[in-house]
Each structure stands twice: as C-alpha cells, then as structure tokens.
Amino acid sequence: MKTITFDYTKKNGETSERTLMILKEPYKDYDGIDITPLDPDIGAEFVSEYSALHEEFLTKCKELQAKYDVKHNYRHFLIEGMSNVIEI
C-alpha cells in the first residue's frame, strides 16, 4: 500500500502535517467487479462468497487497527486542502 505525507489546511485555516496510508484514492466513479458475464445464479454465488471474504478481511483489519491503537484514526482529507504531498 502507498503512504504519503502532506501538509493539510482545514477550511477554517487550521493546518497540520499528516502521514496517511492510502486506502482509497480520489475518484468520482463506481469501482467494482463486473459480473455481467456470469450466469445470474453463479453471479449470486460469487457475490455471496466475495461478501464473506470481505467481511473476514474487514474483521482482521479492525483487529490489526485495535492492536496498534488506530481503530479510530480513519480520516478523509480534501485534495484542495493538501500541499507538499510526498509519496513514501
């Protein structure tokens, strides 16, 4: 995963230096797995299995966040407030 450091200025003018492990990069579209080619029954099976794996993944992520005491550190930064961005 990619990590960046940057200076962030909130709309109220408050600034801070931040380091962020990127979970989602900015976009304006839907992202997903196109299951159109699958038979509807097979597609439903895939969605069910994928959903179970995703839930397991999220549970393990939450456990890791708790281990490092960052489970409440998910943040959203507006691009227009970011400057001096450095990819690590």
C-alpha atoms as a PDB file:
ATOM      1  CA  MET A   1       0.000   0.000   0.000  1.00  0.00           C
ATOM      2  CA  LYS A   2       1.085   3.541  -0.666  1.00  0.00           C
ATOM      3  CA  THR A   3       1.846   6.053   2.105  1.00  0.00           C
ATOM      4  CA  ILE A   4       2.011   9.835   1.691  1.00  0.00           C
ATOM      5  CA  THR A   5       2.959  12.764   3.885  1.00  0.00           C
ATOM      6  CA  PHE A   6       1.474  16.210   3.385  1.00  0.00           C
ATOM      7  CA  ASP A   7       0.530  19.481   4.984  1.00  0.00           C
ATOM      8  CA  TYR A   8      -3.227  19.817   5.420  1.00  0.00           C
ATOM      9  CA  THR A   9      -5.194  23.038   5.762  1.00  0.00           C
ATOM     10  CA  LYS A  10      -8.780  22.739   7.005  1.00  0.00           C
ATOM     11  CA  LYS A  11     -11.456  25.106   5.730  1.00  0.00           C
ATOM     12  CA  ASN A  12     -11.148  27.064   8.993  1.00  0.00           C
ATOM     13  CA  GLY A  13      -7.450  27.717   8.239  1.00  0.00           C
ATOM     14  CA  GLU A  14      -6.047  25.259  10.816  1.00  0.00           C
ATOM     15  CA  THR A  15      -3.007  23.405   9.422  1.00  0.00           C
ATOM     16  CA  SER A  16      -1.257  20.175  10.355  1.00  0.00           C
ATOM     17  CA  GLU A  17       1.407  17.833   8.990  1.00  0.00           C
ATOM     18  CA  ARG A  18      -0.050  14.387   8.222  1.00  0.00           C
ATOM     19  CA  THR A  19       1.095  10.891   7.201  1.00  0.00           C
ATOM     20  CA  LEU A  20      -1.555   8.730   5.542  1.00  0.00           C
ATOM     21  CA  MET A  21      -1.642   5.101   4.415  1.00  0.00           C
ATOM     22  CA  ILE A  22      -3.828   5.315   1.291  1.00  0.00           C
ATOM     23  CA  LEU A  23      -6.919   3.091   1.372  1.00  0.00           C
ATOM     24  CA  LYS A  24      -8.828   4.875  -1.399  1.00  0.00           C
ATOM     25  CA  GLU A  25      -7.560   7.365  -3.924  1.00  0.00           C
ATOM     26  CA  PRO A  26      -9.777  10.191  -5.152  1.00  0.00           C
ATOM     27  CA  TYR A  27     -12.288   9.277  -7.860  1.00  0.00           C
ATOM     28  CA  LYS A  28     -15.815  10.095  -8.969  1.00  0.00           C
ATOM     29  CA  ASP A  29     -16.860   6.732 -10.382  1.00  0.00           C
ATOM     30  CA  TYR A  30     -18.158   3.406  -9.122  1.00  0.00           C
ATOM     31  CA  ASP A  31     -15.456   0.779  -8.690  1.00  0.00           C
ATOM     32  CA  GLY A  32     -16.305  -2.889  -8.637  1.00  0.00           C
ATOM     33  CA  ILE A  33     -16.132  -6.291 -10.212  1.00  0.00           C
ATOM     34  CA  ASP A  34     -18.219  -6.574 -13.371  1.00  0.00           C
ATOM     35  CA  ILE A  35     -20.104  -9.860 -13.051  1.00  0.00           C
ATOM     36  CA  THR A  36     -22.222  -9.320 -16.169  1.00  0.00           C
ATOM     37  CA  PRO A  37     -20.661 -12.316 -17.987  1.00  0.00           C
ATOM     38  CA  LEU A  38     -21.702 -14.714 -15.206  1.00  0.00           C
ATOM     39  CA  ASP A  39     -24.930 -16.668 -15.174  1.00  0.00           C
ATOM     40  CA  PRO A  40     -27.197 -14.945 -12.595  1.00  0.00           C
ATOM     41  CA  ASP A  41     -27.081 -17.938 -10.207  1.00  0.00           C
ATOM     42  CA  ILE A  42     -23.289 -18.150 -10.451  1.00  0.00           C
ATOM     43  CA  GLY A  43     -23.104 -14.360 -10.038  1.00  0.00           C
ATOM     44  CA  ALA A  44     -25.154 -14.585  -6.850  1.00  0.00           C
ATOM     45  CA  GLU A  45     -22.852 -17.342  -5.568  1.00  0.00           C
ATOM     46  CA  PHE A  46     -19.795 -15.218  -6.358  1.00  0.00           C
ATOM     47  CA  VAL A  47     -21.283 -12.186  -4.572  1.00  0.00           C
ATOM     48  CA  SER A  48     -22.083 -14.322  -1.530  1.00  0.00           C
ATOM     49  CA  GLU A  49     -18.577 -15.829  -1.328  1.00  0.00           C
ATOM     50  CA  TYR A  50     -16.902 -12.488  -2.024  1.00  0.00           C
ATOM     51  CA  SER A  51     -19.007 -10.779   0.641  1.00  0.00           C
ATOM     52  CA  ALA A  52     -17.997 -13.397   3.223  1.00  0.00           C
ATOM     53  CA  LEU A  53     -14.305 -12.965   2.357  1.00  0.00           C
ATOM     54  CA  HIS A  54     -14.666  -9.196   2.514  1.00  0.00           C
ATOM     55  CA  GLU A  55     -16.288  -9.388   5.966  1.00  0.00           C
ATOM     56  CA  GLU A  56     -13.447 -11.622   7.174  1.00  0.00           C
ATOM     57  CA  PHE A  57     -10.929  -9.146   5.763  1.00  0.00           C
ATOM     58  CA  LEU A  58     -12.625  -6.189   7.484  1.00  0.00           C
ATOM     59  CA  THR A  59     -12.712  -8.070  10.789  1.00  0.00           C
ATOM     60  CA  LYS A  60      -8.981  -8.787  10.558  1.00  0.00           C
ATOM     61  CA  CYS A  61      -8.301  -5.140   9.619  1.00  0.00           C
ATOM     62  CA  LYS A  62     -10.223  -3.970  12.687  1.00  0.00           C
ATOM     63  CA  GLU A  63      -8.234  -6.373  14.877  1.00  0.00           C
ATOM     64  CA  LEU A  64      -4.962  -5.001  13.480  1.00  0.00           C
ATOM     65  CA  GLN A  65      -6.117  -1.406  13.978  1.00  0.00           C
ATOM     66  CA  ALA A  66      -7.001  -2.234  17.588  1.00  0.00           C
ATOM     67  CA  LYS A  67      -3.586  -3.875  18.119  1.00  0.00           C
ATOM     68  CA  TYR A  68      -1.854  -0.643  17.041  1.00  0.00           C
ATOM     69  CA  ASP A  69      -4.475   1.604  18.688  1.00  0.00           C
ATOM     70  CA  VAL A  70      -5.502   3.306  15.432  1.00  0.00           C
ATOM     71  CA  LYS A  71      -9.045   1.945  15.120  1.00  0.00           C
ATOM     72  CA  HIS A  72     -10.492   5.463  15.353  1.00  0.00           C
ATOM     73  CA  ASN A  73      -7.953   7.099  13.014  1.00  0.00           C
ATOM     74  CA  TYR A  74      -9.736   6.762   9.651  1.00  0.00           C
ATOM     75  CA  ARG A  75      -9.638  10.233   8.108  1.00  0.00           C
ATOM     76  CA  HIS A  76     -10.931  11.975   4.999  1.00  0.00           C
ATOM     77  CA  PHE A  77      -8.737  14.717   3.526  1.00  0.00           C
ATOM     78  CA  LEU A  78      -9.991  17.069   0.809  1.00  0.00           C
ATOM     79  CA  ILE A  79      -7.484  17.377  -2.022  1.00  0.00           C
ATOM     80  CA  GLU A  80      -7.780  21.172  -2.106  1.00  0.00           C
ATOM     81  CA  GLY A  81      -6.508  21.294   1.481  1.00  0.00           C
ATOM     82  CA  MET A  82      -3.393  19.217   0.763  1.00  0.00           C
ATOM     83  CA  SER A  83       0.018  20.640  -0.125  1.00  0.00           C
ATOM     84  CA  ASN A  84       3.627  19.455  -0.153  1.00  0.00           C
ATOM     85  CA  VAL A  85       2.484  15.867  -0.857  1.00  0.00           C
ATOM     86  CA  ILE A  86       5.336  13.336  -0.765  1.00  0.00           C
ATOM     87  CA  GLU A  87       4.828   9.683  -1.668  1.00  0.00           C
ATOM     88  CA  ILE A  88       6.787   7.383   0.630  1.00  0.00           C
END
